[in-house]
Amino acid sequence: MSEDKKYDRSLLWFSILTVVVIVILVLVITKVLNG
């Protein structure tokens, strides 16, 4: 049971990191296109 919880937590962090990276990429690309 604890193993599953640990896995869920890593998956959650992975999802958050992925979203953050995508947002940063979009902001950078938008800045470059506008610049």
Protein backbone atom coordinates (compact mmCIF):
# COMPACT_ATOMS: atom_id res chain seq x y z
CA MET A 1 0.00 0.00 0.00
CA SER A 2 2.76 2.44 0.92
CA GLU A 3 4.56 1.63 -2.34
CA ASP A 4 1.50 2.66 -4.34
CA LYS A 5 1.27 5.92 -2.38
CA LYS A 6 4.91 6.66 -3.09
CA TYR A 7 4.37 5.97 -6.79
CA ASP A 8 1.30 8.23 -6.88
CA ARG A 9 3.30 11.01 -5.26
CA SER A 10 6.16 10.74 -7.78
CA LEU A 11 3.63 10.69 -10.61
CA LEU A 12 2.00 13.82 -9.19
CA TRP A 13 5.34 15.62 -8.94
CA PHE A 14 6.24 14.49 -12.46
CA SER A 15 2.96 15.89 -13.79
CA ILE A 16 3.48 19.21 -11.99
CA LEU A 17 7.04 19.51 -13.29
CA THR A 18 5.89 18.69 -16.82
CA VAL A 19 3.19 21.37 -16.70
CA VAL A 20 5.65 23.94 -15.33
CA VAL A 21 8.18 23.14 -18.06
CA ILE A 22 5.51 23.42 -20.77
CA VAL A 23 4.31 26.78 -19.40
CA ILE A 24 7.88 28.12 -19.32
CA LEU A 25 8.48 26.90 -22.88
CA VAL A 26 5.29 28.57 -24.09
CA LEU A 27 6.24 31.84 -22.39
CA VAL A 28 9.74 31.77 -23.89
CA ILE A 29 8.43 30.95 -27.38
CA THR A 30 5.80 33.70 -27.14
CA LYS A 31 8.46 36.17 -26.03
CA VAL A 32 10.73 35.19 -28.91
CA LEU A 33 7.91 35.41 -31.46
CA ASN A 34 6.79 38.81 -30.16
CA GLY A 35 10.35 40.04 -29.93
